[in-house]
C-alpha atoms as a PDB file:
ATOM      1  CA  MET A   1     -26.835   7.318 -80.944  1.00  0.00           C
ATOM      2  CA  ASP A   2     -28.728   8.482 -83.892  1.00  0.00           C
ATOM      3  CA  ALA A   3     -32.535   8.582 -83.743  1.00  0.00           C
ATOM      4  CA  ALA A   4     -33.050   5.450 -85.500  1.00  0.00           C
ATOM      5  CA  ALA A   5     -30.948   3.542 -83.162  1.00  0.00           C
ATOM      6  CA  ASP A   6     -33.257   4.985 -80.374  1.00  0.00           C
ATOM      7  CA  LEU A   7     -36.193   4.180 -81.736  1.00  0.00           C
ATOM      8  CA  LEU A   8     -34.910   0.497 -82.248  1.00  0.00           C
ATOM      9  CA  VAL A   9     -33.773   0.463 -78.607  1.00  0.00           C
ATOM     10  CA  THR A  10     -36.658   1.709 -77.378  1.00  0.00           C
ATOM     11  CA  THR A  11     -39.038  -0.519 -79.444  1.00  0.00           C
ATOM     12  CA  LEU A  12     -37.257  -3.485 -78.425  1.00  0.00           C
ATOM     13  CA  VAL A  13     -37.381  -2.459 -74.691  1.00  0.00           C
ATOM     14  CA  ALA A  14     -41.523  -2.265 -75.327  1.00  0.00           C
ATOM     15  CA  ILE A  15     -41.707  -5.471 -76.985  1.00  0.00           C
ATOM     16  CA  PHE A  16     -39.516  -7.228 -73.922  1.00  0.00           C
ATOM     17  CA  LEU A  17     -41.721  -5.462 -71.391  1.00  0.00           C
ATOM     18  CA  PHE A  18     -45.123  -6.540 -73.605  1.00  0.00           C
ATOM     19  CA  LEU A  19     -43.777 -10.232 -73.317  1.00  0.00           C
ATOM     20  CA  ALA A  20     -42.504 -10.443 -69.972  1.00  0.00           C
ATOM     21  CA  LEU A  21     -45.937  -8.805 -68.586  1.00  0.00           C
ATOM     22  CA  CYS A  22     -47.709 -11.500 -70.972  1.00  0.00           C
ATOM     23  CA  ALA A  23     -45.938 -14.459 -69.852  1.00  0.00           C
ATOM     24  CA  ALA A  24     -46.500 -13.548 -65.787  1.00  0.00           C
ATOM     25  CA  LEU A  25     -50.108 -13.081 -66.575  1.00  0.00           C
ATOM     26  CA  VAL A  26     -50.175 -16.529 -68.354  1.00  0.00           C
ATOM     27  CA  LEU A  27     -48.223 -18.252 -65.240  1.00  0.00           C
ATOM     28  CA  VAL A  28     -50.518 -16.336 -62.722  1.00  0.00           C
ATOM     29  CA  THR A  29     -53.791 -17.746 -64.644  1.00  0.00           C
ATOM     30  CA  VAL A  30     -52.093 -21.311 -64.497  1.00  0.00           C
ATOM     31  CA  SER A  31     -51.874 -21.000 -60.968  1.00  0.00           C
ATOM     32  CA  LEU A  32     -55.271 -19.554 -59.996  1.00  0.00           C
ATOM     33  CA  ARG A  33     -57.394 -22.599 -59.506  1.00  0.00           C
ATOM     34  CA  ARG A  34     -54.459 -23.915 -57.222  1.00  0.00           C
ATOM     35  CA  PRO A  35     -51.278 -21.611 -56.430  1.00  0.00           C
ATOM     36  CA  ARG A  36     -47.846 -23.282 -56.994  1.00  0.00           C
ATOM     37  CA  ALA A  37     -44.673 -21.949 -56.330  1.00  0.00           C
ATOM     38  CA  VAL A  38     -42.459 -22.380 -59.324  1.00  0.00           C
ATOM     39  CA  PRO A  39     -45.028 -20.483 -61.640  1.00  0.00           C
ATOM     40  CA  LEU A  40     -45.673 -17.758 -59.399  1.00  0.00           C
ATOM     41  CA  LEU A  41     -42.172 -17.233 -58.505  1.00  0.00           C
ATOM     42  CA  VAL A  42     -41.118 -17.031 -62.099  1.00  0.00           C
ATOM     43  CA  ALA A  43     -43.997 -14.669 -62.855  1.00  0.00           C
ATOM     44  CA  SER A  44     -42.587 -12.407 -59.600  1.00  0.00           C
ATOM     45  CA  GLY A  45     -39.373 -12.328 -61.031  1.00  0.00           C
ATOM     46  CA  LEU A  46     -40.493 -11.097 -64.500  1.00  0.00           C
ATOM     47  CA  VAL A  47     -42.208  -8.333 -62.664  1.00  0.00           C
ATOM     48  CA  VAL A  48     -39.233  -7.477 -60.818  1.00  0.00           C
ATOM     49  CA  LEU A  49     -37.043  -7.786 -64.042  1.00  0.00           C
ATOM     50  CA  CYS A  50     -39.598  -5.443 -65.723  1.00  0.00           C
ATOM     51  CA  VAL A  51     -39.263  -2.767 -62.975  1.00  0.00           C
ATOM     52  CA  VAL A  52     -35.466  -3.162 -63.001  1.00  0.00           C
ATOM     53  CA  VAL A  53     -35.361  -2.443 -66.933  1.00  0.00           C
ATOM     54  CA  VAL A  54     -37.668   0.701 -66.877  1.00  0.00           C
ATOM     55  CA  ALA A  55     -35.983   1.595 -63.532  1.00  0.00           C
ATOM     56  CA  VAL A  56     -32.490   1.382 -64.888  1.00  0.00           C
ATOM     57  CA  LEU A  57     -32.636   1.904 -69.079  1.00  0.00           C
ATOM     58  CA  PRO A  58     -32.642   5.499 -70.114  1.00  0.00           C
ATOM     59  CA  TRP A  59     -35.230   5.468 -72.830  1.00  0.00           C
ATOM     60  CA  ASN A  60     -38.639   6.499 -72.409  1.00  0.00           C
ATOM     61  CA  ILE A  61     -41.014   4.328 -74.044  1.00  0.00           C
ATOM     62  CA  PRO A  62     -43.798   6.244 -76.520  1.00  0.00           C
ATOM     63  CA  PRO A  63     -47.101   6.858 -75.045  1.00  0.00           C
ATOM     64  CA  LEU A  64     -49.111   4.504 -77.090  1.00  0.00           C
ATOM     65  CA  TYR A  65     -46.833   1.603 -76.163  1.00  0.00           C
ATOM     66  CA  VAL A  66     -47.126   2.543 -72.454  1.00  0.00           C
ATOM     67  CA  ALA A  67     -50.992   2.837 -73.206  1.00  0.00           C
ATOM     68  CA  VAL A  68     -50.641  -1.073 -73.989  1.00  0.00           C
ATOM     69  CA  LEU A  69     -48.440  -1.848 -70.972  1.00  0.00           C
ATOM     70  CA  ALA A  70     -50.749   0.054 -68.754  1.00  0.00           C
ATOM     71  CA  LEU A  71     -53.779  -2.015 -69.996  1.00  0.00           C
ATOM     72  CA  LEU A  72     -51.584  -5.350 -69.606  1.00  0.00           C
ATOM     73  CA  ALA A  73     -50.071  -4.144 -65.981  1.00  0.00           C
ATOM     74  CA  VAL A  74     -53.478  -3.102 -64.892  1.00  0.00           C
ATOM     75  CA  ALA A  75     -54.907  -6.694 -65.429  1.00  0.00           C
ATOM     76  CA  LEU A  76     -52.079  -8.543 -64.250  1.00  0.00           C
ATOM     77  CA  ALA A  77     -52.527  -6.358 -60.836  1.00  0.00           C
ATOM     78  CA  ALA A  78     -55.759  -7.349 -60.509  1.00  0.00           C
ATOM     79  CA  PHE A  79     -55.860 -11.078 -61.224  1.00  0.00           C
ATOM     80  CA  GLY A  80     -52.734 -11.901 -60.554  1.00  0.00           C
ATOM     81  CA  GLY A  81     -52.838 -10.836 -57.158  1.00  0.00           C
ATOM     82  CA  ASN A  82     -54.836 -13.746 -55.939  1.00  0.00           C
ATOM     83  CA  PRO A  83     -52.730 -16.495 -56.726  1.00  0.00           C
ATOM     84  CA  VAL A  84     -50.158 -14.916 -55.124  1.00  0.00           C
ATOM     85  CA  VAL A  85     -51.457 -13.698 -51.628  1.00  0.00           C
ATOM     86  CA  ARG A  86     -53.088 -17.207 -51.697  1.00  0.00           C
ATOM     87  CA  TRP A  87     -49.752 -19.047 -51.804  1.00  0.00           C
ATOM     88  CA  VAL A  88     -48.134 -16.673 -49.480  1.00  0.00           C
ATOM     89  CA  LEU A  89     -50.907 -16.792 -46.862  1.00  0.00           C
ATOM     90  CA  ALA A  90     -50.647 -20.540 -47.367  1.00  0.00           C
ATOM     91  CA  VAL A  91     -46.773 -20.402 -46.477  1.00  0.00           C
ATOM     92  CA  ALA A  92     -47.355 -17.887 -43.819  1.00  0.00           C
ATOM     93  CA  ASP A  93     -49.913 -20.111 -41.674  1.00  0.00           C
ATOM     94  CA  GLY A  94     -48.584 -23.334 -43.048  1.00  0.00           C
ATOM     95  CA  GLY A  95     -51.816 -24.453 -44.263  1.00  0.00           C
ATOM     96  CA  ARG A  96     -53.443 -24.470 -40.920  1.00  0.00           C
ATOM     97  CA  ILE A  97     -55.993 -22.244 -41.780  1.00  0.00           C
ATOM     98  CA  VAL A  98     -59.384 -23.696 -43.271  1.00  0.00           C
ATOM     99  CA  ASP A  99     -61.566 -21.639 -45.596  1.00  0.00           C
ATOM    100  CA  GLY A 100     -64.893 -21.168 -44.882  1.00  0.00           C
ATOM    101  CA  PRO A 101     -68.013 -22.224 -47.428  1.00  0.00           C
ATOM    102  CA  ARG A 102     -68.415 -18.364 -48.264  1.00  0.00           C
ATOM    103  CA  GLY A 103     -64.852 -16.986 -49.012  1.00  0.00           C
ATOM    104  CA  GLY A 104     -63.976 -16.363 -45.551  1.00  0.00           C
ATOM    105  CA  ILE A 105     -61.732 -18.584 -42.665  1.00  0.00           C
ATOM    106  CA  LEU A 106     -62.802 -20.666 -40.333  1.00  0.00           C
ATOM    107  CA  VAL A 107     -61.506 -19.483 -36.809  1.00  0.00           C
ATOM    108  CA  GLU A 108     -62.007 -21.371 -33.617  1.00  0.00           C
ATOM    109  CA  LEU A 109     -63.616 -19.119 -30.496  1.00  0.00           C
ATOM    110  CA  MET A 110     -62.688 -19.440 -27.473  1.00  0.00           C
ATOM    111  CA  SER A 111     -65.327 -20.379 -25.100  1.00  0.00           C
ATOM    112  CA  GLU A 112     -65.640 -20.589 -21.236  1.00  0.00           C
ATOM    113  CA  PRO A 113     -65.106 -24.486 -20.102  1.00  0.00           C
ATOM    114  CA  PRO A 114     -66.680 -26.646 -19.980  1.00  0.00           C
ATOM    115  CA  ALA A 115     -68.564 -25.619 -23.452  1.00  0.00           C
ATOM    116  CA  THR A 116     -66.953 -26.939 -26.455  1.00  0.00           C
ATOM    117  CA  PRO A 117     -65.319 -24.668 -28.539  1.00  0.00           C
ATOM    118  CA  ARG A 118     -67.122 -23.460 -31.935  1.00  0.00           C
ATOM    119  CA  GLN A 119     -65.848 -22.551 -35.097  1.00  0.00           C
ATOM    120  CA  GLU A 120     -66.807 -18.928 -37.247  1.00  0.00           C
ATOM    121  CA  GLU A 121     -66.341 -17.802 -40.427  1.00  0.00           C
ATOM    122  CA  ILE A 122     -64.780 -14.569 -40.672  1.00  0.00           C
ATOM    123  CA  LEU A 123     -63.316 -11.908 -43.249  1.00  0.00           C
ATOM    124  CA  ARG A 124     -65.750 -13.214 -45.460  1.00  0.00           C
ATOM    125  CA  GLY A 125     -65.604 -11.840 -49.287  1.00  0.00           C
ATOM    126  CA  GLY A 126     -61.899 -11.160 -48.800  1.00  0.00           C
ATOM    127  CA  THR A 127     -61.158 -12.436 -52.706  1.00  0.00           C
ATOM    128  CA  THR A 128     -63.812  -9.700 -54.001  1.00  0.00           C
ATOM    129  CA  ILE A 129     -61.937  -7.700 -51.862  1.00  0.00           C
ATOM    130  CA  GLY A 130     -58.412  -8.288 -52.835  1.00  0.00           C
ATOM    131  CA  TYR A 131     -59.402  -8.012 -56.415  1.00  0.00           C
ATOM    132  CA  VAL A 132     -61.068  -4.535 -55.846  1.00  0.00           C
ATOM    133  CA  GLU A 133     -58.070  -3.262 -53.889  1.00  0.00           C
ATOM    134  CA  ARG A 134     -55.837  -4.318 -56.152  1.00  0.00           C
ATOM    135  CA  LEU A 135     -57.312  -2.726 -59.109  1.00  0.00           C
ATOM    136  CA  ALA A 136     -57.896   0.515 -57.447  1.00  0.00           C
ATOM    137  CA  ALA A 137     -54.231   0.595 -56.245  1.00  0.00           C
ATOM    138  CA  ALA A 138     -53.108  -0.364 -59.484  1.00  0.00           C
ATOM    139  CA  LEU A 139     -55.219   2.447 -61.462  1.00  0.00           C
ATOM    140  CA  GLY A 140     -54.114   4.722 -58.860  1.00  0.00           C
ATOM    141  CA  ILE A 141     -50.407   4.481 -59.339  1.00  0.00           C
ATOM    142  CA  VAL A 142     -51.070   4.449 -63.265  1.00  0.00           C
ATOM    143  CA  ALA A 143     -52.921   7.615 -62.659  1.00  0.00           C
ATOM    144  CA  GLY A 144     -50.179   9.081 -60.771  1.00  0.00           C
ATOM    145  CA  PHE A 145     -52.408   9.227 -57.831  1.00  0.00           C
ATOM    146  CA  PRO A 146     -50.393   6.745 -55.248  1.00  0.00           C
ATOM    147  CA  ALA A 147     -52.016   8.381 -52.318  1.00  0.00           C
ATOM    148  CA  VAL A 148     -54.959   5.982 -53.159  1.00  0.00           C
ATOM    149  CA  ILE A 149     -53.128   3.385 -51.395  1.00  0.00           C
ATOM    150  CA  ALA A 150     -53.267   5.179 -47.581  1.00  0.00           C
ATOM    151  CA  VAL A 151     -57.181   5.374 -48.796  1.00  0.00           C
ATOM    152  CA  ILE A 152     -57.348   1.663 -49.642  1.00  0.00           C
ATOM    153  CA  VAL A 153     -55.526   0.659 -46.408  1.00  0.00           C
ATOM    154  CA  ALA A 154     -57.961   2.842 -44.360  1.00  0.00           C
ATOM    155  CA  VAL A 155     -60.854   1.732 -45.617  1.00  0.00           C
ATOM    156  CA  LYS A 156     -59.846  -1.953 -45.558  1.00  0.00           C
ATOM    157  CA  GLY A 157     -58.953  -1.237 -41.704  1.00  0.00           C
ATOM    158  CA  VAL A 158     -61.933   0.214 -40.613  1.00  0.00           C
ATOM    159  CA  GLY A 159     -64.454  -2.098 -42.640  1.00  0.00           C
ATOM    160  CA  ARG A 160     -62.613  -5.250 -41.065  1.00  0.00           C
ATOM    161  CA  PHE A 161     -61.713  -3.829 -37.763  1.00  0.00           C
ATOM    162  CA  THR A 162     -64.935  -5.984 -35.676  1.00  0.00           C
ATOM    163  CA  GLU A 163     -63.511  -9.159 -37.553  1.00  0.00           C
ATOM    164  CA  LEU A 164     -59.599  -8.975 -35.996  1.00  0.00           C
ATOM    165  CA  ALA A 165     -60.601 -10.194 -32.646  1.00  0.00           C
ATOM    166  CA  THR A 166     -58.357 -13.303 -33.336  1.00  0.00           C
ATOM    167  CA  PRO A 167     -54.925 -13.905 -33.682  1.00  0.00           C
ATOM    168  CA  ALA A 168     -55.627 -15.880 -37.324  1.00  0.00           C
ATOM    169  CA  ALA A 169     -57.696 -13.042 -38.431  1.00  0.00           C
ATOM    170  CA  ARG A 170     -55.198 -10.615 -37.644  1.00  0.00           C
ATOM    171  CA  GLU A 171     -52.328 -12.151 -39.304  1.00  0.00           C
ATOM    172  CA  ARG A 172     -54.093 -12.973 -42.239  1.00  0.00           C
ATOM    173  CA  PHE A 173     -55.380  -9.459 -42.838  1.00  0.00           C
ATOM    174  CA  ILE A 174     -52.037  -8.245 -42.489  1.00  0.00           C
ATOM    175  CA  VAL A 175     -50.044 -10.373 -44.619  1.00  0.00           C
ATOM    176  CA  GLY A 176     -52.895 -10.430 -47.170  1.00  0.00           C
ATOM    177  CA  THR A 177     -53.546  -6.938 -47.568  1.00  0.00           C
ATOM    178  CA  LEU A 178     -49.712  -6.035 -47.489  1.00  0.00           C
ATOM    179  CA  THR A 179     -48.866  -9.152 -49.885  1.00  0.00           C
ATOM    180  CA  SER A 180     -51.915  -7.941 -52.263  1.00  0.00           C
ATOM    181  CA  LEU A 181     -50.694  -4.220 -52.429  1.00  0.00           C
ATOM    182  CA  LEU A 182     -47.121  -5.038 -52.723  1.00  0.00           C
ATOM    183  CA  TRP A 183     -47.942  -7.048 -56.100  1.00  0.00           C
ATOM    184  CA  ALA A 184     -50.232  -4.505 -57.644  1.00  0.00           C
ATOM    185  CA  CYS A 185     -47.492  -1.764 -56.771  1.00  0.00           C
ATOM    186  CA  ALA A 186     -45.005  -3.835 -58.250  1.00  0.00           C
ATOM    187  CA  VAL A 187     -46.720  -4.672 -61.195  1.00  0.00           C
ATOM    188  CA  SER A 188     -48.419  -1.141 -61.958  1.00  0.00           C
ATOM    189  CA  ALA A 189     -45.169   0.867 -61.005  1.00  0.00           C
ATOM    190  CA  ILE A 190     -43.574  -0.389 -64.522  1.00  0.00           C
ATOM    191  CA  VAL A 191     -45.986   2.206 -66.238  1.00  0.00           C
ATOM    192  CA  PRO A 192     -44.737   5.520 -64.931  1.00  0.00           C
ATOM    193  CA  LEU A 193     -41.162   4.167 -64.757  1.00  0.00           C
ATOM    194  CA  ALA A 194     -41.627   3.584 -68.348  1.00  0.00           C
ATOM    195  CA  LEU A 195     -42.609   7.106 -69.258  1.00  0.00           C
ATOM    196  CA  TRP A 196     -39.953   8.497 -67.366  1.00  0.00           C
END
């Protein structure tokens, strides 16, 4: 294949990746207020398709195109993870968990009979922490330092340790963290794979 054909194919792949990531960003933005299955599944499918394309195709994308893709991928990883995580958590708990007024969840604490059970809000700030963890994970992968994920999990686990006394809190913490990091890693993995 000659140089002109290589450049054309590389440009087409870069344009496809750009458009697919833009479409995924639009779909997750549409679901930001109220997570909906169809847009989130389509956005996830686009992300998986992009990962497969850059992993399978033998063309290296020029660094200037990759820089634009990196900005888009980091934005999609950080902001797009919110509706994805909320949707997965809603599916996982069947909608039984009640959100608290300060961004946490309300759990029923067990008390000695005949006292009435009381509710307490735990895992406050989870939305903000999720944005920060996805941003850190995406930037770490794009920068070539994927070990940052271990640091994120360690810091988050130590910081939340005292709030993980109830099964609902543990389940939400594990499912939310894994979903959040999986989304951020899948989206941001497109960048280093495009440079191969």
